[in-house]
C-alpha atoms as a PDB file:
ATOM      1  CA  UNK A   1       0.000   0.000   0.000  1.00  0.00           C
ATOM      2  CA  UNK A   2       1.339   3.445  -0.888  1.00  0.00           C
ATOM      3  CA  UNK A   3       2.205   5.829   1.987  1.00  0.00           C
ATOM      4  CA  UNK A   4      -0.416   8.330   0.850  1.00  0.00           C
ATOM      5  CA  UNK A   5      -3.091   5.643   0.823  1.00  0.00           C
ATOM      6  CA  UNK A   6      -1.994   4.398   4.246  1.00  0.00           C
ATOM      7  CA  UNK A   7      -2.169   7.975   5.561  1.00  0.00           C
ATOM      8  CA  UNK A   8      -5.748   8.386   4.361  1.00  0.00           C
ATOM      9  CA  UNK A   9      -6.859   5.163   6.011  1.00  0.00           C
ATOM     10  CA  UNK A  10      -4.890   5.855   9.183  1.00  0.00           C
ATOM     11  CA  UNK A  11      -6.276   9.390   9.448  1.00  0.00           C
ATOM     12  CA  UNK A  12      -9.922   8.408   9.143  1.00  0.00           C
ATOM     13  CA  UNK A  13      -9.448   5.367  11.383  1.00  0.00           C
ATOM     14  CA  UNK A  14      -7.762   7.481  14.052  1.00  0.00           C
ATOM     15  CA  UNK A  15     -10.491  10.119  13.869  1.00  0.00           C
ATOM     16  CA  UNK A  16     -13.266   7.529  14.230  1.00  0.00           C
ATOM     17  CA  UNK A  17     -11.490   5.664  17.020  1.00  0.00           C
ATOM     18  CA  UNK A  18     -10.666   8.917  18.828  1.00  0.00           C
ATOM     19  CA  UNK A  19     -14.362   9.806  18.945  1.00  0.00           C
ATOM     20  CA  UNK A  20     -15.053   6.282  20.163  1.00  0.00           C
ATOM     21  CA  UNK A  21     -12.366   6.621  22.815  1.00  0.00           C
ATOM     22  CA  UNK A  22     -13.770   9.923  24.034  1.00  0.00           C
ATOM     23  CA  UNK A  23     -17.236   8.370  24.170  1.00  0.00           C
ATOM     24  CA  UNK A  24     -15.816   5.418  26.116  1.00  0.00           C
ATOM     25  CA  UNK A  25     -14.448   7.805  28.754  1.00  0.00           C
ATOM     26  CA  UNK A  26     -17.883   9.403  29.196  1.00  0.00           C
ATOM     27  CA  UNK A  27     -19.468   5.945  29.267  1.00  0.00           C
ATOM     28  CA  UNK A  28     -17.040   4.692  31.918  1.00  0.00           C
ATOM     29  CA  UNK A  29     -18.021   7.539  34.230  1.00  0.00           C
ATOM     30  CA  UNK A  30     -21.713   6.792  33.772  1.00  0.00           C
ATOM     31  CA  UNK A  31     -21.545   2.990  34.047  1.00  0.00           C
ATOM     32  CA  UNK A  32     -22.001   2.761  37.831  1.00  0.00           C
ATOM     33  CA  UNK A  33     -25.294   4.638  37.482  1.00  0.00           C
ATOM     34  CA  UNK A  34     -26.303   2.665  34.377  1.00  0.00           C
ATOM     35  CA  UNK A  35     -25.549  -0.658  36.079  1.00  0.00           C
ATOM     36  CA  UNK A  36     -28.191   0.144  38.710  1.00  0.00           C
ATOM     37  CA  UNK A  37     -30.862   0.856  36.094  1.00  0.00           C
ATOM     38  CA  UNK A  38     -33.526  -1.586  35.042  1.00  0.00           C
ATOM     39  CA  UNK A  39     -32.832  -2.708  31.484  1.00  0.00           C
ATOM     40  CA  UNK A  40     -34.955  -4.345  28.788  1.00  0.00           C
ATOM     41  CA  UNK A  41     -34.834  -8.112  28.532  1.00  0.00           C
ATOM     42  CA  UNK A  42     -32.939  -7.897  25.229  1.00  0.00           C
ATOM     43  CA  UNK A  43     -30.033  -5.878  26.652  1.00  0.00           C
ATOM     44  CA  UNK A  44     -26.765  -7.635  25.811  1.00  0.00           C
ATOM     45  CA  UNK A  45     -23.950  -8.118  28.342  1.00  0.00           C
ATOM     46  CA  UNK A  46     -21.823  -4.996  28.887  1.00  0.00           C
ATOM     47  CA  UNK A  47     -18.780  -6.582  27.193  1.00  0.00           C
ATOM     48  CA  UNK A  48     -20.652  -6.724  23.870  1.00  0.00           C
ATOM     49  CA  UNK A  49     -20.880  -2.947  23.608  1.00  0.00           C
ATOM     50  CA  UNK A  50     -17.157  -2.190  23.482  1.00  0.00           C
ATOM     51  CA  UNK A  51     -16.523  -4.923  20.909  1.00  0.00           C
ATOM     52  CA  UNK A  52     -19.395  -3.844  18.667  1.00  0.00           C
ATOM     53  CA  UNK A  53     -18.591  -0.133  18.897  1.00  0.00           C
ATOM     54  CA  UNK A  54     -14.920  -0.732  18.098  1.00  0.00           C
ATOM     55  CA  UNK A  55     -15.873  -2.678  14.982  1.00  0.00           C
ATOM     56  CA  UNK A  56     -18.352   0.025  13.950  1.00  0.00           C
ATOM     57  CA  UNK A  57     -15.805   2.837  14.386  1.00  0.00           C
ATOM     58  CA  UNK A  58     -13.308   0.859  12.286  1.00  0.00           C
ATOM     59  CA  UNK A  59     -15.927   0.334   9.554  1.00  0.00           C
ATOM     60  CA  UNK A  60     -16.778   4.065   9.614  1.00  0.00           C
ATOM     61  CA  UNK A  61     -13.129   5.032   9.239  1.00  0.00           C
ATOM     62  CA  UNK A  62     -12.388   2.531   6.479  1.00  0.00           C
ATOM     63  CA  UNK A  63     -15.589   3.497   4.683  1.00  0.00           C
ATOM     64  CA  UNK A  64     -14.753   7.204   4.771  1.00  0.00           C
ATOM     65  CA  UNK A  65     -11.194   6.506   3.603  1.00  0.00           C
ATOM     66  CA  UNK A  66     -12.538   4.509   0.651  1.00  0.00           C
ATOM     67  CA  UNK A  67     -14.895   7.352  -0.242  1.00  0.00           C
ATOM     68  CA  UNK A  68     -12.114   9.924   0.065  1.00  0.00           C
ATOM     69  CA  UNK A  69      -9.721   7.818  -2.029  1.00  0.00           C
ATOM     70  CA  UNK A  70     -12.398   7.356  -4.705  1.00  0.00           C
ATOM     71  CA  UNK A  71     -12.046  10.993  -5.702  1.00  0.00           C
ATOM     72  CA  UNK A  72     -15.779  11.082  -6.413  1.00  0.00           C
ATOM     73  CA  UNK A  73     -17.323  14.538  -6.715  1.00  0.00           C
ATOM     74  CA  UNK A  74     -19.695  13.619  -3.873  1.00  0.00           C
ATOM     75  CA  UNK A  75     -16.875  12.912  -1.397  1.00  0.00           C
ATOM     76  CA  UNK A  76     -17.006  16.346   0.265  1.00  0.00           C
ATOM     77  CA  UNK A  77     -20.710  15.937   1.030  1.00  0.00           C
ATOM     78  CA  UNK A  78     -20.037  12.439   2.330  1.00  0.00           C
ATOM     79  CA  UNK A  79     -17.283  13.857   4.549  1.00  0.00           C
ATOM     80  CA  UNK A  80     -19.647  16.460   6.006  1.00  0.00           C
ATOM     81  CA  UNK A  81     -22.260  13.829   6.875  1.00  0.00           C
ATOM     82  CA  UNK A  82     -19.535  11.562   8.272  1.00  0.00           C
ATOM     83  CA  UNK A  83     -18.257  14.326  10.565  1.00  0.00           C
ATOM     84  CA  UNK A  84     -21.766  15.365  11.597  1.00  0.00           C
ATOM     85  CA  UNK A  85     -22.768  11.822  12.537  1.00  0.00           C
ATOM     86  CA  UNK A  86     -19.527  11.405  14.504  1.00  0.00           C
ATOM     87  CA  UNK A  87     -20.427  14.503  16.529  1.00  0.00           C
ATOM     88  CA  UNK A  88     -24.010  13.369  17.077  1.00  0.00           C
ATOM     89  CA  UNK A  89     -22.707   9.905  17.987  1.00  0.00           C
ATOM     90  CA  UNK A  90     -20.421  11.355  20.667  1.00  0.00           C
ATOM     91  CA  UNK A  91     -23.063  13.637  22.134  1.00  0.00           C
ATOM     92  CA  UNK A  92     -25.555  10.770  22.426  1.00  0.00           C
ATOM     93  CA  UNK A  93     -23.092   9.306  24.936  1.00  0.00           C
ATOM     94  CA  UNK A  94     -23.100  12.600  26.821  1.00  0.00           C
ATOM     95  CA  UNK A  95     -26.922  12.658  26.933  1.00  0.00           C
ATOM     96  CA  UNK A  96     -27.240   9.013  27.944  1.00  0.00           C
ATOM     97  CA  UNK A  97     -24.251   8.211  30.174  1.00  0.00           C
ATOM     98  CA  UNK A  98     -23.116  11.682  31.172  1.00  0.00           C
ATOM     99  CA  UNK A  99     -26.391  13.441  31.905  1.00  0.00           C
ATOM    100  CA  UNK A 100     -28.713  10.417  32.376  1.00  0.00           C
ATOM    101  CA  UNK A 101     -31.318  12.108  30.170  1.00  0.00           C
ATOM    102  CA  UNK A 102     -32.780   9.032  28.531  1.00  0.00           C
ATOM    103  CA  UNK A 103     -35.646  10.547  26.542  1.00  0.00           C
ATOM    104  CA  UNK A 104     -33.510  13.305  24.978  1.00  0.00           C
ATOM    105  CA  UNK A 105     -30.836  10.650  24.354  1.00  0.00           C
ATOM    106  CA  UNK A 106     -33.413   8.509  22.539  1.00  0.00           C
ATOM    107  CA  UNK A 107     -34.507  11.427  20.354  1.00  0.00           C
ATOM    108  CA  UNK A 108     -30.847  12.231  19.654  1.00  0.00           C
ATOM    109  CA  UNK A 109     -30.307   8.594  18.710  1.00  0.00           C
ATOM    110  CA  UNK A 110     -33.200   8.717  16.244  1.00  0.00           C
ATOM    111  CA  UNK A 111     -31.421  11.668  14.619  1.00  0.00           C
ATOM    112  CA  UNK A 112     -28.217   9.615  14.549  1.00  0.00           C
ATOM    113  CA  UNK A 113     -29.971   6.700  12.820  1.00  0.00           C
ATOM    114  CA  UNK A 114     -31.164   9.051  10.069  1.00  0.00           C
ATOM    115  CA  UNK A 115     -27.655  10.495   9.727  1.00  0.00           C
ATOM    116  CA  UNK A 116     -26.117   7.026   9.490  1.00  0.00           C
ATOM    117  CA  UNK A 117     -28.618   6.111   6.775  1.00  0.00           C
ATOM    118  CA  UNK A 118     -27.718   9.309   4.918  1.00  0.00           C
ATOM    119  CA  UNK A 119     -24.011   8.621   5.396  1.00  0.00           C
ATOM    120  CA  UNK A 120     -24.421   5.107   3.987  1.00  0.00           C
ATOM    121  CA  UNK A 121     -26.330   6.530   1.017  1.00  0.00           C
ATOM    122  CA  UNK A 122     -23.689   9.167   0.335  1.00  0.00           C
ATOM    123  CA  UNK A 123     -20.870   6.667   0.761  1.00  0.00           C
ATOM    124  CA  UNK A 124     -22.591   4.372  -1.762  1.00  0.00           C
ATOM    125  CA  UNK A 125     -22.615   7.136  -4.362  1.00  0.00           C
ATOM    126  CA  UNK A 126     -18.822   7.194  -4.287  1.00  0.00           C
ATOM    127  CA  UNK A 127     -18.019   3.595  -3.345  1.00  0.00           C
ATOM    128  CA  UNK A 128     -20.630   0.858  -3.069  1.00  0.00           C
ATOM    129  CA  UNK A 129     -18.621  -1.215  -0.594  1.00  0.00           C
ATOM    130  CA  UNK A 130     -18.078   1.789   1.688  1.00  0.00           C
ATOM    131  CA  UNK A 131     -21.846   2.270   1.805  1.00  0.00           C
ATOM    132  CA  UNK A 132     -22.505  -1.386   2.525  1.00  0.00           C
ATOM    133  CA  UNK A 133     -19.945  -1.295   5.314  1.00  0.00           C
ATOM    134  CA  UNK A 134     -22.267   1.068   7.200  1.00  0.00           C
ATOM    135  CA  UNK A 135     -25.199  -1.372   7.300  1.00  0.00           C
ATOM    136  CA  UNK A 136     -24.057  -2.923  10.625  1.00  0.00           C
ATOM    137  CA  UNK A 137     -23.844   0.593  12.109  1.00  0.00           C
ATOM    138  CA  UNK A 138     -27.345   1.396  10.900  1.00  0.00           C
ATOM    139  CA  UNK A 139     -28.738  -1.856  12.324  1.00  0.00           C
ATOM    140  CA  UNK A 140     -26.907  -1.342  15.620  1.00  0.00           C
ATOM    141  CA  UNK A 141     -28.237   2.218  15.786  1.00  0.00           C
ATOM    142  CA  UNK A 142     -31.805   0.944  15.443  1.00  0.00           C
ATOM    143  CA  UNK A 143     -31.147  -1.690  18.114  1.00  0.00           C
ATOM    144  CA  UNK A 144     -29.531   0.918  20.384  1.00  0.00           C
ATOM    145  CA  UNK A 145     -32.559   3.177  19.937  1.00  0.00           C
ATOM    146  CA  UNK A 146     -34.864   0.362  21.044  1.00  0.00           C
ATOM    147  CA  UNK A 147     -32.605  -0.332  24.006  1.00  0.00           C
ATOM    148  CA  UNK A 148     -32.434   3.370  24.920  1.00  0.00           C
ATOM    149  CA  UNK A 149     -36.215   3.673  24.712  1.00  0.00           C
ATOM    150  CA  UNK A 150     -36.574   0.594  26.892  1.00  0.00           C
ATOM    151  CA  UNK A 151     -34.259   2.046  29.534  1.00  0.00           C
ATOM    152  CA  UNK A 152     -36.237   5.275  29.555  1.00  0.00           C
ATOM    153  CA  UNK A 153     -39.609   3.474  29.820  1.00  0.00           C
ATOM    154  CA  UNK A 154     -38.420   1.187  32.606  1.00  0.00           C
ATOM    155  CA  UNK A 155     -36.783   3.917  34.692  1.00  0.00           C
ATOM    156  CA  UNK A 156     -38.902   7.045  34.380  1.00  0.00           C
END
């Protein structure tokens, strides 16, 4: 792989994983409170979350790198949606784990699901595989929204 290509992949991977790392710090502070909450029956074990989110952040970064390397005219729009969803993704963690505001977090997560769908669509315009790589993120976002809603309903 050429150094320039490696730099593109490394840059987008590091950006995605840095947002994930920052979110993990906020999550870690809120976990003691979250662990005391009543959770829906379909809530997976805590260990699943870090594994899934790491994979999703890697797929986001690789997908964005593929789009950027494609040189497609739509790549700047894809980059804007990518950056916006990363910000919304991080601030969901603040709403949910930092502030314990579960209804606003749910509404924020609905926004994130729409942004992920738009990101996948925009990625697909430049690189079909990059768009398909976002399907797990979209599905996880829908699952997370159901889980978030369940936490709010069970603990209000």
